[in-house]
C-alpha atoms as a PDB file:
ATOM      1  CA  MET A   1      33.644 -41.260 -17.273  1.00  0.00           C
ATOM      2  CA  PRO A   2      31.252 -44.754 -16.539  1.00  0.00           C
ATOM      3  CA  ASP A   3      31.389 -47.350 -18.513  1.00  0.00           C
ATOM      4  CA  LYS A   4      27.786 -47.872 -18.660  1.00  0.00           C
ATOM      5  CA  ALA A   5      27.057 -44.922 -20.871  1.00  0.00           C
ATOM      6  CA  LEU A   6      29.668 -46.428 -23.807  1.00  0.00           C
ATOM      7  CA  ARG A   7      28.588 -47.950 -26.161  1.00  0.00           C
ATOM      8  CA  THR A   8      30.630 -50.541 -28.868  1.00  0.00           C
ATOM      9  CA  GLY A   9      30.067 -51.581 -32.325  1.00  0.00           C
ATOM     10  CA  ARG A  10      32.592 -53.145 -34.162  1.00  0.00           C
ATOM     11  CA  HIS A  11      35.084 -51.030 -34.704  1.00  0.00           C
ATOM     12  CA  CYS A  12      34.127 -48.139 -32.293  1.00  0.00           C
ATOM     13  CA  VAL A  13      33.094 -46.905 -28.738  1.00  0.00           C
ATOM     14  CA  PHE A  14      30.710 -44.244 -29.430  1.00  0.00           C
ATOM     15  CA  MET A  15      28.314 -42.483 -27.180  1.00  0.00           C
ATOM     16  CA  LEU A  16      25.905 -40.323 -29.024  1.00  0.00           C
ATOM     17  CA  HIS A  17      22.515 -38.815 -27.771  1.00  0.00           C
ATOM     18  CA  ALA A  18      20.598 -36.030 -29.875  1.00  0.00           C
ATOM     19  CA  HIS A  19      17.944 -33.175 -28.976  1.00  0.00           C
ATOM     20  CA  LEU A  20      15.400 -33.283 -31.498  1.00  0.00           C
ATOM     21  CA  ILE A  21      11.953 -31.234 -31.622  1.00  0.00           C
ATOM     22  CA  PHE A  22       9.283 -31.522 -33.735  1.00  0.00           C
ATOM     23  CA  ILE A  23       6.820 -28.910 -34.337  1.00  0.00           C
ATOM     24  CA  THR A  24       3.234 -29.066 -36.181  1.00  0.00           C
ATOM     25  CA  LYS A  25       2.256 -27.667 -39.016  1.00  0.00           C
ATOM     26  CA  TYR A  26       1.668 -24.240 -39.185  1.00  0.00           C
ATOM     27  CA  ARG A  27       2.195 -24.719 -34.885  1.00  0.00           C
ATOM     28  CA  GLY A  28      -1.702 -26.103 -35.032  1.00  0.00           C
ATOM     29  CA  LYS A  29      -2.571 -26.715 -30.559  1.00  0.00           C
ATOM     30  CA  VAL A  30      -3.801 -29.986 -31.346  1.00  0.00           C
ATOM     31  CA  LEU A  31      -2.012 -32.737 -29.604  1.00  0.00           C
ATOM     32  CA  SER A  32      -3.407 -33.607 -26.719  1.00  0.00           C
ATOM     33  CA  ARG A  33      -2.172 -36.023 -23.547  1.00  0.00           C
ATOM     34  CA  ALA A  34      -3.414 -39.078 -24.659  1.00  0.00           C
ATOM     35  CA  MET A  35      -1.567 -38.655 -28.214  1.00  0.00           C
ATOM     36  CA  LEU A  36       1.856 -37.914 -26.498  1.00  0.00           C
ATOM     37  CA  ARG A  37       1.557 -40.516 -25.022  1.00  0.00           C
ATOM     38  CA  ASP A  38       0.430 -42.734 -28.096  1.00  0.00           C
ATOM     39  CA  MET A  39       3.004 -41.133 -29.836  1.00  0.00           C
ATOM     40  CA  GLU A  40       6.290 -41.988 -27.385  1.00  0.00           C
ATOM     41  CA  LYS A  41       5.312 -45.184 -27.684  1.00  0.00           C
ATOM     42  CA  ILE A  42       4.759 -44.861 -31.718  1.00  0.00           C
ATOM     43  CA  MET A  43       7.891 -43.387 -31.722  1.00  0.00           C
ATOM     44  CA  ARG A  44       9.928 -45.749 -29.123  1.00  0.00           C
ATOM     45  CA  ASP A  45       9.288 -48.775 -30.959  1.00  0.00           C
ATOM     46  CA  VAL A  46      10.139 -47.128 -34.592  1.00  0.00           C
ATOM     47  CA  CYS A  47      14.000 -46.505 -31.840  1.00  0.00           C
ATOM     48  CA  ALA A  48      13.778 -49.845 -31.367  1.00  0.00           C
ATOM     49  CA  ILE A  49      13.867 -50.863 -34.886  1.00  0.00           C
ATOM     50  CA  GLN A  50      17.224 -49.270 -35.669  1.00  0.00           C
ATOM     51  CA  ASP A  51      18.754 -50.039 -32.668  1.00  0.00           C
ATOM     52  CA  VAL A  52      18.150 -46.384 -31.149  1.00  0.00           C
ATOM     53  CA  THR A  53      17.340 -45.645 -27.462  1.00  0.00           C
ATOM     54  CA  LEU A  54      14.819 -43.393 -26.524  1.00  0.00           C
ATOM     55  CA  ALA A  55      15.803 -42.273 -23.550  1.00  0.00           C
ATOM     56  CA  GLU A  56      13.398 -39.249 -22.788  1.00  0.00           C
ATOM     57  CA  PHE A  57      10.340 -37.958 -24.525  1.00  0.00           C
ATOM     58  CA  ASN A  58       7.418 -34.873 -23.414  1.00  0.00           C
ATOM     59  CA  GLY A  59       5.525 -32.089 -25.683  1.00  0.00           C
ATOM     60  CA  GLU A  60       3.204 -30.190 -25.563  1.00  0.00           C
ATOM     61  CA  THR A  61      -0.045 -29.340 -28.344  1.00  0.00           C
ATOM     62  CA  ASP A  62       2.223 -27.856 -30.384  1.00  0.00           C
ATOM     63  CA  HIS A  63       6.031 -29.660 -30.365  1.00  0.00           C
ATOM     64  CA  VAL A  64       7.486 -32.848 -29.018  1.00  0.00           C
ATOM     65  CA  HIS A  65      10.874 -33.115 -27.645  1.00  0.00           C
ATOM     66  CA  LEU A  66      12.563 -36.091 -27.869  1.00  0.00           C
ATOM     67  CA  LEU A  67      16.569 -37.427 -26.597  1.00  0.00           C
ATOM     68  CA  VAL A  68      17.828 -40.585 -27.949  1.00  0.00           C
ATOM     69  CA  GLU A  69      21.032 -42.342 -27.834  1.00  0.00           C
ATOM     70  CA  TYR A  70      22.311 -43.386 -31.288  1.00  0.00           C
ATOM     71  CA  PRO A  71      24.750 -45.455 -32.986  1.00  0.00           C
ATOM     72  CA  PRO A  72      26.988 -44.095 -35.515  1.00  0.00           C
ATOM     73  CA  THR A  73      25.619 -45.889 -38.263  1.00  0.00           C
ATOM     74  CA  VAL A  74      22.407 -44.153 -37.802  1.00  0.00           C
ATOM     75  CA  GLN A  75      22.041 -41.622 -40.368  1.00  0.00           C
ATOM     76  CA  LEU A  76      20.085 -38.731 -38.360  1.00  0.00           C
ATOM     77  CA  SER A  77      18.040 -37.162 -41.134  1.00  0.00           C
ATOM     78  CA  LYS A  78      16.506 -40.590 -42.123  1.00  0.00           C
ATOM     79  CA  LEU A  79      15.773 -41.461 -38.502  1.00  0.00           C
ATOM     80  CA  ILE A  80      13.871 -38.233 -38.033  1.00  0.00           C
ATOM     81  CA  ASN A  81      12.268 -39.004 -41.224  1.00  0.00           C
ATOM     82  CA  SER A  82      10.974 -42.565 -40.133  1.00  0.00           C
ATOM     83  CA  LEU A  83       9.889 -40.998 -36.644  1.00  0.00           C
ATOM     84  CA  LYS A  84       8.065 -37.884 -38.155  1.00  0.00           C
ATOM     85  CA  GLY A  85       6.587 -39.890 -40.652  1.00  0.00           C
ATOM     86  CA  VAL A  86       5.385 -43.079 -38.537  1.00  0.00           C
ATOM     87  CA  SER A  87       4.083 -40.739 -35.845  1.00  0.00           C
ATOM     88  CA  SER A  88       2.010 -38.761 -38.479  1.00  0.00           C
ATOM     89  CA  ARG A  89       0.272 -42.341 -39.889  1.00  0.00           C
ATOM     90  CA  ARG A  90      -0.456 -43.801 -36.725  1.00  0.00           C
ATOM     91  CA  LEU A  91      -2.113 -40.362 -35.216  1.00  0.00           C
ATOM     92  CA  ARG A  92      -3.607 -39.727 -37.950  1.00  0.00           C
ATOM     93  CA  LYS A  93      -4.682 -42.750 -38.197  1.00  0.00           C
ATOM     94  CA  ARG A  94      -6.051 -43.062 -34.253  1.00  0.00           C
ATOM     95  CA  TYR A  95      -7.163 -39.779 -34.562  1.00  0.00           C
ATOM     96  CA  PRO A  96      -9.246 -38.915 -37.615  1.00  0.00           C
ATOM     97  CA  GLN A  97      -9.967 -35.546 -35.617  1.00  0.00           C
ATOM     98  CA  ILE A  98      -7.117 -33.905 -36.153  1.00  0.00           C
ATOM     99  CA  LYS A  99      -7.137 -34.367 -39.950  1.00  0.00           C
ATOM    100  CA  THR A 100      -9.238 -30.961 -40.329  1.00  0.00           C
ATOM    101  CA  HIS A 101      -6.637 -28.808 -38.556  1.00  0.00           C
ATOM    102  CA  TRP A 102      -4.480 -28.228 -41.143  1.00  0.00           C
ATOM    103  CA  ILE A 103      -4.648 -26.270 -43.938  1.00  0.00           C
ATOM    104  CA  GLY A 104      -4.057 -28.043 -46.956  1.00  0.00           C
ATOM    105  CA  LYS A 105      -5.474 -31.205 -49.360  1.00  0.00           C
ATOM    106  CA  LYS A 106      -2.341 -33.385 -47.807  1.00  0.00           C
ATOM    107  CA  GLY A 107      -2.829 -33.261 -43.828  1.00  0.00           C
ATOM    108  CA  HIS A 108       0.236 -33.184 -42.396  1.00  0.00           C
ATOM    109  CA  LEU A 109       1.198 -33.272 -39.018  1.00  0.00           C
ATOM    110  CA  TRP A 110       4.365 -32.313 -38.478  1.00  0.00           C
ATOM    111  CA  SER A 111       6.221 -29.502 -40.443  1.00  0.00           C
ATOM    112  CA  PRO A 112       9.033 -30.218 -42.503  1.00  0.00           C
ATOM    113  CA  SER A 113      11.678 -28.790 -40.335  1.00  0.00           C
ATOM    114  CA  TYR A 114      12.739 -29.937 -37.423  1.00  0.00           C
ATOM    115  CA  PHE A 115      15.595 -28.909 -34.601  1.00  0.00           C
ATOM    116  CA  ALA A 116      19.161 -31.340 -33.949  1.00  0.00           C
ATOM    117  CA  GLY A 117      21.277 -30.747 -31.739  1.00  0.00           C
ATOM    118  CA  SER A 118      24.459 -32.656 -30.502  1.00  0.00           C
ATOM    119  CA  VAL A 119      24.263 -33.489 -26.826  1.00  0.00           C
ATOM    120  CA  GLY A 120      25.961 -34.879 -23.618  1.00  0.00           C
ATOM    121  CA  GLY A 121      29.938 -34.529 -22.870  1.00  0.00           C
ATOM    122  CA  ALA A 122      31.750 -32.373 -22.076  1.00  0.00           C
ATOM    123  CA  PRO A 123      30.880 -28.603 -23.060  1.00  0.00           C
ATOM    124  CA  ILE A 124      32.824 -26.658 -26.342  1.00  0.00           C
ATOM    125  CA  GLU A 125      34.692 -24.247 -24.392  1.00  0.00           C
ATOM    126  CA  VAL A 126      36.640 -27.945 -22.685  1.00  0.00           C
ATOM    127  CA  LEU A 127      37.014 -29.792 -25.929  1.00  0.00           C
ATOM    128  CA  LYS A 128      38.600 -27.225 -27.423  1.00  0.00           C
ATOM    129  CA  ARG A 129      41.000 -26.221 -24.715  1.00  0.00           C
ATOM    130  CA  TYR A 130      41.990 -30.653 -24.453  1.00  0.00           C
ATOM    131  CA  ILE A 131      42.731 -29.972 -27.997  1.00  0.00           C
ATOM    132  CA  GLU A 132      44.635 -26.921 -27.836  1.00  0.00           C
ATOM    133  CA  GLN A 133      46.886 -28.453 -24.657  1.00  0.00           C
ATOM    134  CA  GLN A 134      47.405 -31.325 -26.539  1.00  0.00           C
ATOM    135  CA  GLN A 135      51.691 -32.290 -27.353  1.00  0.00           C
ATOM    136  CA  THR A 136      51.860 -31.458 -30.783  1.00  0.00           C
ATOM    137  CA  PRO A 137      54.791 -32.958 -31.899  1.00  0.00           C
ATOM    138  CA  HIS A 138      58.928 -31.077 -32.733  1.00  0.00           C
END
């Protein structure tokens, strides 16, 4: 494993990555190329504030994918709330026309649900075998 993949904290060495997917409210096809470009900048800024690295970002008209690298001090659910909240507020301010695409009075950009999956490192089966093969003391 290359050393540059590892990060260090005060009392730990870590390499944590998560794949995040956010879906627009009612799966509305409202995101344009310009919006995605602006959203990536917004999300990079939010990540930087929390000592998180946005490694990859892309999306389509109704959802976005993020690959983030984060320290163990960051609660993923709080990061997600920040990413969704800040991006929604800033995009709705910059692109007021997107408010008309949603049913409801609040005009939320994102569905309240999301996908978060841990990624990186060895596959689960390899880790299971490694742990099973540890030399248990007699």
